[in-house]
Amino acid sequence: MKRAESMTDRVGIVVVSHSHEVAKGTIDMVRQMVGNEIPMAFSGGNPAGGLGTDVASILAAIDKAWSPKGVAILVDLGGAESNSEMAIEMLPEDRRDKVVVCNAPIVEGAVMAATEAAGGGSLQAVRATAEELSPR
């Protein structure tokens, strides 16, 4: 099986942060720990290069990490969550149910979610694994 084909049978991971460096660094760390077996992308900062999030950038990250098995999004703060939810609502109807925002710490959650995804876990399993780290 070709590598590109094997990536499409794994849940994708997107990291959304108010900081470009945090988002990129989180994905870099996940790649170092988990490898390149799953589709991953990030969105960080606002279009002017400052702190913030951008719906168009989040949509592009979802598209880059897209997999028919779905995409799990990890976010840092409330604005990243609300903009991620807005981006999901803007997706084509047939993709909306395949993208979830995980309620998990961004770095630890991304590592755990990617580990589960690399093992072939479903979108629900990837989300549940990431969310195990959230305080109850």
N, C-alpha and C. Protein backbone atom coordinates (compact mmCIF):
# COMPACT_ATOMS: atom_id res chain seq x y z
N MET A 1 0.85 -1.18 0.00
CA MET A 1 0.00 0.00 0.00
C MET A 1 0.88 1.24 0.00
N LYS A 2 0.53 2.19 -0.83
CA LYS A 2 1.29 3.42 -0.88
C LYS A 2 1.05 4.23 0.39
N ARG A 3 2.05 5.01 0.77
CA ARG A 3 1.96 5.82 1.99
C ARG A 3 0.77 6.78 1.95
N ALA A 4 0.54 7.46 0.84
CA ALA A 4 -0.57 8.41 0.74
C ALA A 4 -1.90 7.69 0.94
N GLU A 5 -2.01 6.47 0.42
CA GLU A 5 -3.24 5.71 0.60
C GLU A 5 -3.42 5.31 2.05
N SER A 6 -2.35 4.92 2.73
CA SER A 6 -2.48 4.49 4.12
C SER A 6 -2.86 5.65 5.03
N MET A 7 -2.48 6.87 4.68
CA MET A 7 -2.85 8.01 5.50
C MET A 7 -4.34 8.31 5.42
N THR A 8 -4.99 7.96 4.31
CA THR A 8 -6.41 8.26 4.19
C THR A 8 -7.27 7.31 5.02
N ASP A 9 -6.69 6.23 5.53
CA ASP A 9 -7.49 5.34 6.38
C ASP A 9 -7.24 5.62 7.86
N ARG A 10 -6.70 6.79 8.15
CA ARG A 10 -6.45 7.21 9.53
C ARG A 10 -7.13 8.57 9.77
N VAL A 11 -7.60 8.77 10.98
CA VAL A 11 -8.19 10.06 11.36
C VAL A 11 -7.12 11.13 11.27
N GLY A 12 -7.47 12.28 10.75
CA GLY A 12 -6.56 13.41 10.67
C GLY A 12 -6.60 14.23 11.96
N ILE A 13 -5.52 14.95 12.21
CA ILE A 13 -5.40 15.79 13.41
C ILE A 13 -5.12 17.23 12.98
N VAL A 14 -5.86 18.18 13.57
CA VAL A 14 -5.63 19.60 13.35
C VAL A 14 -5.42 20.26 14.70
N VAL A 15 -4.40 21.10 14.81
CA VAL A 15 -4.15 21.88 16.01
C VAL A 15 -4.45 23.34 15.68
N VAL A 16 -5.28 23.97 16.52
CA VAL A 16 -5.64 25.37 16.35
C VAL A 16 -5.22 26.13 17.61
N SER A 17 -4.33 27.11 17.42
CA SER A 17 -3.85 27.90 18.55
C SER A 17 -3.89 29.38 18.18
N HIS A 18 -3.94 30.21 19.19
CA HIS A 18 -3.84 31.65 18.98
C HIS A 18 -2.43 32.05 18.55
N SER A 19 -1.47 31.16 18.75
CA SER A 19 -0.07 31.42 18.40
C SER A 19 0.37 30.48 17.27
N HIS A 20 0.90 31.08 16.21
CA HIS A 20 1.43 30.28 15.10
C HIS A 20 2.51 29.32 15.61
N GLU A 21 3.39 29.82 16.47
CA GLU A 21 4.49 29.00 16.97
C GLU A 21 4.01 27.83 17.82
N VAL A 22 3.01 28.06 18.65
CA VAL A 22 2.46 26.97 19.47
C VAL A 22 1.83 25.90 18.58
N ALA A 23 1.03 26.33 17.61
CA ALA A 23 0.37 25.37 16.71
C ALA A 23 1.39 24.57 15.91
N LYS A 24 2.34 25.26 15.31
CA LYS A 24 3.37 24.57 14.52
C LYS A 24 4.22 23.68 15.41
N GLY A 25 4.62 24.18 16.57
CA GLY A 25 5.45 23.39 17.49
C GLY A 25 4.74 22.14 17.98
N THR A 26 3.44 22.25 18.21
CA THR A 26 2.68 21.07 18.65
C THR A 26 2.67 20.01 17.57
N ILE A 27 2.39 20.40 16.34
CA ILE A 27 2.39 19.43 15.23
C ILE A 27 3.79 18.86 15.02
N ASP A 28 4.83 19.69 15.11
CA ASP A 28 6.20 19.19 14.98
C ASP A 28 6.50 18.15 16.05
N MET A 29 6.08 18.40 17.28
CA MET A 29 6.30 17.46 18.37
C MET A 29 5.54 16.15 18.13
N VAL A 30 4.30 16.26 17.69
CA VAL A 30 3.50 15.06 17.40
C VAL A 30 4.19 14.23 16.31
N ARG A 31 4.67 14.89 15.26
CA ARG A 31 5.35 14.16 14.18
C ARG A 31 6.60 13.45 14.70
N GLN A 32 7.33 14.10 15.60
CA GLN A 32 8.53 13.48 16.15
C GLN A 32 8.19 12.28 17.03
N MET A 33 7.07 12.34 17.72
CA MET A 33 6.70 11.26 18.64
C MET A 33 5.90 10.15 17.96
N VAL A 34 5.06 10.50 17.01
CA VAL A 34 4.14 9.53 16.41
C VAL A 34 4.54 9.18 14.98
N GLY A 35 5.23 10.07 14.31
CA GLY A 35 5.61 9.82 12.93
C GLY A 35 4.67 10.51 11.96
N ASN A 36 4.80 10.16 10.72
CA ASN A 36 4.02 10.80 9.65
C ASN A 36 2.93 9.88 9.11
N GLU A 37 2.43 8.99 9.95
CA GLU A 37 1.47 8.00 9.48
C GLU A 37 0.05 8.53 9.38
N ILE A 38 -0.20 9.73 9.89
CA ILE A 38 -1.54 10.29 9.85
C ILE A 38 -1.49 11.69 9.24
N PRO A 39 -2.59 12.11 8.62
CA PRO A 39 -2.63 13.48 8.09
C PRO A 39 -2.73 14.48 9.24
N MET A 40 -1.90 15.51 9.21
CA MET A 40 -1.88 16.53 10.26
C MET A 40 -1.72 17.91 9.64
N ALA A 41 -2.29 18.90 10.33
CA ALA A 41 -2.14 20.29 9.90
C ALA A 41 -2.38 21.18 11.11
N PHE A 42 -2.04 22.45 10.94
CA PHE A 42 -2.25 23.40 12.03
C PHE A 42 -2.72 24.74 11.49
N SER A 43 -3.33 25.49 12.40
CA SER A 43 -3.73 26.86 12.13
C SER A 43 -3.38 27.66 13.37
N GLY A 44 -2.61 28.71 13.19
CA GLY A 44 -2.22 29.50 14.35
C GLY A 44 -2.00 30.95 14.02
N GLY A 45 -2.46 31.82 14.90
CA GLY A 45 -2.28 33.24 14.72
C GLY A 45 -3.33 33.83 13.79
N ASN A 46 -3.33 35.15 13.73
CA ASN A 46 -4.27 35.83 12.83
C ASN A 46 -3.58 36.15 11.50
N PRO A 47 -4.33 36.58 10.49
CA PRO A 47 -3.73 36.84 9.18
C PRO A 47 -2.62 37.90 9.19
N ALA A 48 -2.63 38.78 10.17
CA ALA A 48 -1.60 39.82 10.25
C ALA A 48 -0.33 39.33 10.94
N GLY A 49 -0.35 38.09 11.42
CA GLY A 49 0.83 37.53 12.07
C GLY A 49 0.83 37.65 13.58
N GLY A 50 -0.22 38.22 14.14
CA GLY A 50 -0.30 38.37 15.58
C GLY A 50 -1.06 37.21 16.22
N LEU A 51 -1.39 37.38 17.49
CA LEU A 51 -2.16 36.38 18.20
C LEU A 51 -3.60 36.40 17.74
N GLY A 52 -4.20 35.23 17.64
CA GLY A 52 -5.60 35.12 17.25
C GLY A 52 -5.83 33.86 16.44
N THR A 53 -7.04 33.69 15.98
CA THR A 53 -7.38 32.56 15.13
C THR A 53 -8.15 33.07 13.93
N ASP A 54 -8.19 32.27 12.88
CA ASP A 54 -8.79 32.69 11.62
C ASP A 54 -9.58 31.53 11.03
N VAL A 55 -10.86 31.72 10.81
CA VAL A 55 -11.73 30.66 10.30
C VAL A 55 -11.23 30.12 8.96
N ALA A 56 -10.82 31.00 8.05
CA ALA A 56 -10.35 30.55 6.73
C ALA A 56 -9.11 29.66 6.88
N SER A 57 -8.22 30.00 7.78
CA SER A 57 -7.03 29.20 8.02
C SER A 57 -7.39 27.85 8.64
N ILE A 58 -8.38 27.86 9.51
CA ILE A 58 -8.84 26.60 10.12
C ILE A 58 -9.45 25.70 9.05
N LEU A 59 -10.26 26.27 8.18
CA LEU A 59 -10.83 25.49 7.07
C LEU A 59 -9.74 24.88 6.20
N ALA A 60 -8.70 25.66 5.91
CA ALA A 60 -7.58 25.15 5.10
C ALA A 60 -6.87 24.00 5.82
N ALA A 61 -6.70 24.12 7.14
CA ALA A 61 -6.05 23.06 7.90
C ALA A 61 -6.90 21.79 7.91
N ILE A 62 -8.22 21.94 8.07
CA ILE A 62 -9.11 20.78 8.01
C ILE A 62 -8.98 20.11 6.65
N ASP A 63 -8.98 20.89 5.60
CA ASP A 63 -8.86 20.33 4.24
C ASP A 63 -7.53 19.60 4.07
N LYS A 64 -6.46 20.16 4.60
CA LYS A 64 -5.13 19.54 4.46
C LYS A 64 -5.05 18.22 5.23
N ALA A 65 -5.71 18.15 6.39
CA ALA A 65 -5.66 16.94 7.22
C ALA A 65 -6.84 16.01 6.95
N TRP A 66 -7.64 16.33 5.94
CA TRP A 66 -8.87 15.57 5.70
C TRP A 66 -8.59 14.10 5.46
N SER A 67 -9.46 13.30 6.04
CA SER A 67 -9.47 11.86 5.83
C SER A 67 -10.93 11.42 5.82
N PRO A 68 -11.28 10.43 5.03
CA PRO A 68 -12.65 9.92 5.08
C PRO A 68 -13.03 9.39 6.47
N LYS A 69 -12.04 9.08 7.30
CA LYS A 69 -12.33 8.64 8.68
C LYS A 69 -12.60 9.82 9.59
N GLY A 70 -12.32 11.04 9.15
CA GLY A 70 -12.63 12.23 9.92
C GLY A 70 -11.41 12.99 10.36
N VAL A 71 -11.66 14.09 11.09
CA VAL A 71 -10.61 14.97 11.59
C VAL A 71 -10.94 15.35 13.02
N ALA A 72 -9.95 15.23 13.89
CA ALA A 72 -10.07 15.68 15.28
C ALA A 72 -9.29 16.98 15.43
N ILE A 73 -9.93 17.99 16.02
CA ILE A 73 -9.30 19.30 16.21
C ILE A 73 -8.99 19.50 17.68
N LEU A 74 -7.76 19.93 17.96
CA LEU A 74 -7.33 20.29 19.32
C LEU A 74 -7.15 21.79 19.34
N VAL A 75 -7.67 22.46 20.38
CA VAL A 75 -7.64 23.92 20.46
C VAL A 75 -7.02 24.37 21.78
N ASP A 76 -6.52 25.63 21.79
CA ASP A 76 -5.90 26.13 23.01
C ASP A 76 -6.83 26.94 23.90
N LEU A 77 -7.63 27.83 23.34
CA LEU A 77 -8.48 28.72 24.14
C LEU A 77 -9.86 28.82 23.51
N GLY A 78 -10.77 29.48 24.22
CA GLY A 78 -12.16 29.58 23.78
C GLY A 78 -12.36 30.12 22.38
N GLY A 79 -11.59 31.14 21.99
CA GLY A 79 -11.73 31.70 20.65
C GLY A 79 -11.35 30.69 19.58
N ALA A 80 -10.37 29.88 19.85
CA ALA A 80 -9.98 28.83 18.90
C ALA A 80 -11.09 27.80 18.78
N GLU A 81 -11.72 27.49 19.89
CA GLU A 81 -12.83 26.54 19.86
C GLU A 81 -14.02 27.09 19.08
N SER A 82 -14.42 28.33 19.37
CA SER A 82 -15.58 28.90 18.68
C SER A 82 -15.31 29.07 17.18
N ASN A 83 -14.11 29.49 16.80
CA ASN A 83 -13.79 29.61 15.38
C ASN A 83 -13.69 28.25 14.70
N SER A 84 -13.23 27.24 15.42
CA SER A 84 -13.21 25.88 14.87
C SER A 84 -14.62 25.37 14.64
N GLU A 85 -15.52 25.63 15.59
CA GLU A 85 -16.93 25.23 15.44
C GLU A 85 -17.55 25.97 14.24
N MET A 86 -17.20 27.24 14.07
CA MET A 86 -17.70 28.01 12.93
C MET A 86 -17.18 27.40 11.62
N ALA A 87 -15.91 27.02 11.61
CA ALA A 87 -15.33 26.40 10.41
C ALA A 87 -16.05 25.09 10.09
N ILE A 88 -16.35 24.31 11.10
CA ILE A 88 -17.06 23.04 10.87
C ILE A 88 -18.42 23.31 10.23
N GLU A 89 -19.12 24.33 10.71
CA GLU A 89 -20.43 24.68 10.15
C GLU A 89 -20.33 25.12 8.69
N MET A 90 -19.17 25.61 8.29
CA MET A 90 -18.98 26.09 6.91
C MET A 90 -18.55 24.97 5.95
N LEU A 91 -18.24 23.79 6.49
CA LEU A 91 -17.85 22.66 5.66
C LEU A 91 -19.04 22.16 4.85
N PRO A 92 -18.75 21.47 3.74
CA PRO A 92 -19.85 20.83 3.01
C PRO A 92 -20.60 19.89 3.98
N GLU A 93 -21.90 19.80 3.80
CA GLU A 93 -22.75 19.05 4.72
C GLU A 93 -22.27 17.62 4.95
N ASP A 94 -21.74 16.97 3.90
CA ASP A 94 -21.31 15.58 4.04
C ASP A 94 -20.03 15.42 4.86
N ARG A 95 -19.35 16.52 5.19
CA ARG A 95 -18.13 16.44 6.00
C ARG A 95 -18.34 16.87 7.45
N ARG A 96 -19.39 17.61 7.72
CA ARG A 96 -19.57 18.20 9.06
C ARG A 96 -19.55 17.19 10.19
N ASP A 97 -20.21 16.05 10.01
CA ASP A 97 -20.28 15.04 11.06
C ASP A 97 -18.98 14.27 11.24
N LYS A 98 -18.02 14.54 10.37
CA LYS A 98 -16.74 13.83 10.45
C LYS A 98 -15.63 14.69 11.01
N VAL A 99 -15.97 15.82 11.59
CA VAL A 99 -14.98 16.72 12.20
C VAL A 99 -15.46 17.06 13.60
N VAL A 100 -14.58 16.85 14.59
CA VAL A 100 -14.93 17.11 15.98
C VAL A 100 -13.86 17.97 16.65
N VAL A 101 -14.30 18.77 17.62
CA VAL A 101 -13.38 19.52 18.47
C VAL A 101 -13.25 18.74 19.77
N CYS A 102 -12.02 18.43 20.14
CA CYS A 102 -11.77 17.67 21.35
C CYS A 102 -11.59 18.61 22.54
N ASN A 103 -12.20 18.26 23.65
CA ASN A 103 -12.05 19.00 24.89
C ASN A 103 -10.87 18.39 25.64
N ALA A 104 -9.67 18.84 25.28
CA ALA A 104 -8.45 18.22 25.82
C ALA A 104 -7.32 19.26 25.83
N PRO A 105 -6.33 19.04 26.69
CA PRO A 105 -5.14 19.91 26.63
C PRO A 105 -4.51 19.81 25.24
N ILE A 106 -4.08 20.92 24.70
CA ILE A 106 -3.68 20.96 23.29
C ILE A 106 -2.48 20.06 22.97
N VAL A 107 -1.42 20.13 23.74
CA VAL A 107 -0.22 19.35 23.41
C VAL A 107 -0.42 17.88 23.76
N GLU A 108 -0.78 17.60 25.01
CA GLU A 108 -0.97 16.22 25.43
C GLU A 108 -2.10 15.57 24.64
N GLY A 109 -3.18 16.32 24.43
CA GLY A 109 -4.30 15.79 23.67
C GLY A 109 -3.92 15.46 22.24
N ALA A 110 -3.13 16.33 21.62
CA ALA A 110 -2.70 16.07 20.24
C ALA A 110 -1.83 14.82 20.16
N VAL A 111 -0.94 14.64 21.11
CA VAL A 111 -0.08 13.44 21.11
C VAL A 111 -0.93 12.19 21.29
N MET A 112 -1.84 12.22 22.27
CA MET A 112 -2.67 11.04 22.53
C MET A 112 -3.62 10.76 21.36
N ALA A 113 -4.23 11.81 20.81
CA ALA A 113 -5.13 11.64 19.67
C ALA A 113 -4.38 11.06 18.47
N ALA A 114 -3.20 11.59 18.21
CA ALA A 114 -2.41 11.11 17.07
C ALA A 114 -1.96 9.67 17.27
N THR A 115 -1.63 9.31 18.49
CA THR A 115 -1.24 7.93 18.78
C THR A 115 -2.39 6.97 18.49
N GLU A 116 -3.58 7.35 18.95
CA GLU A 116 -4.78 6.53 18.69
C GLU A 116 -5.08 6.48 17.20
N ALA A 117 -4.97 7.62 16.52
CA ALA A 117 -5.23 7.66 15.07
C ALA A 117 -4.23 6.80 14.31
N ALA A 118 -2.96 6.86 14.70
CA ALA A 118 -1.93 6.07 14.02
C ALA A 118 -2.20 4.58 14.16
N GLY A 119 -2.84 4.20 15.26
CA GLY A 119 -3.20 2.79 15.47
C GLY A 119 -4.46 2.39 14.73
N GLY A 120 -5.06 3.31 13.99
CA GLY A 120 -6.24 2.99 13.20
C GLY A 120 -7.55 3.24 13.93
N GLY A 121 -7.51 3.94 15.07
CA GLY A 121 -8.73 4.20 15.83
C GLY A 121 -9.74 5.04 15.06
N SER A 122 -11.01 4.84 15.41
CA SER A 122 -12.10 5.61 14.80
C SER A 122 -12.05 7.05 15.31
N LEU A 123 -12.82 7.91 14.68
CA LEU A 123 -12.91 9.30 15.12
C LEU A 123 -13.38 9.38 16.57
N GLN A 124 -14.36 8.57 16.92
CA GLN A 124 -14.87 8.56 18.29
C GLN A 124 -13.79 8.11 19.27
N ALA A 125 -13.01 7.10 18.91
CA ALA A 125 -11.94 6.61 19.78
C ALA A 125 -10.83 7.64 19.93
N VAL A 126 -10.49 8.31 18.84
CA VAL A 126 -9.46 9.36 18.87
C VAL A 126 -9.90 10.48 19.81
N ARG A 127 -11.15 10.90 19.67
CA ARG A 127 -11.68 11.97 20.54
C ARG A 127 -11.69 11.53 22.00
N ALA A 128 -12.19 10.33 22.26
CA ALA A 128 -12.26 9.83 23.64
C ALA A 128 -10.87 9.72 24.26
N THR A 129 -9.90 9.28 23.50
CA THR A 129 -8.52 9.16 24.01
C THR A 129 -7.97 10.52 24.38
N ALA A 130 -8.16 11.49 23.52
CA ALA A 130 -7.67 12.85 23.82
C ALA A 130 -8.39 13.40 25.05
N GLU A 131 -9.68 13.18 25.14
CA GLU A 131 -10.46 13.77 26.21
C GLU A 131 -10.27 13.08 27.56
N GLU A 132 -9.64 11.91 27.58
CA GLU A 132 -9.31 11.26 28.85
C GLU A 132 -8.43 12.14 29.71
N LEU A 133 -7.72 13.06 29.08
CA LEU A 133 -6.79 13.94 29.79
C LEU A 133 -7.46 15.16 30.41
N SER A 134 -8.76 15.37 30.09
CA SER A 134 -9.46 16.55 30.60
C SER A 134 -9.93 16.32 32.02
N PRO A 135 -9.83 17.34 32.87
CA PRO A 135 -10.36 17.20 34.23
C PRO A 135 -11.86 17.00 34.18
N ARG A 136 -12.34 16.21 35.06
CA ARG A 136 -13.79 15.93 35.08
C ARG A 136 -14.50 16.80 36.06
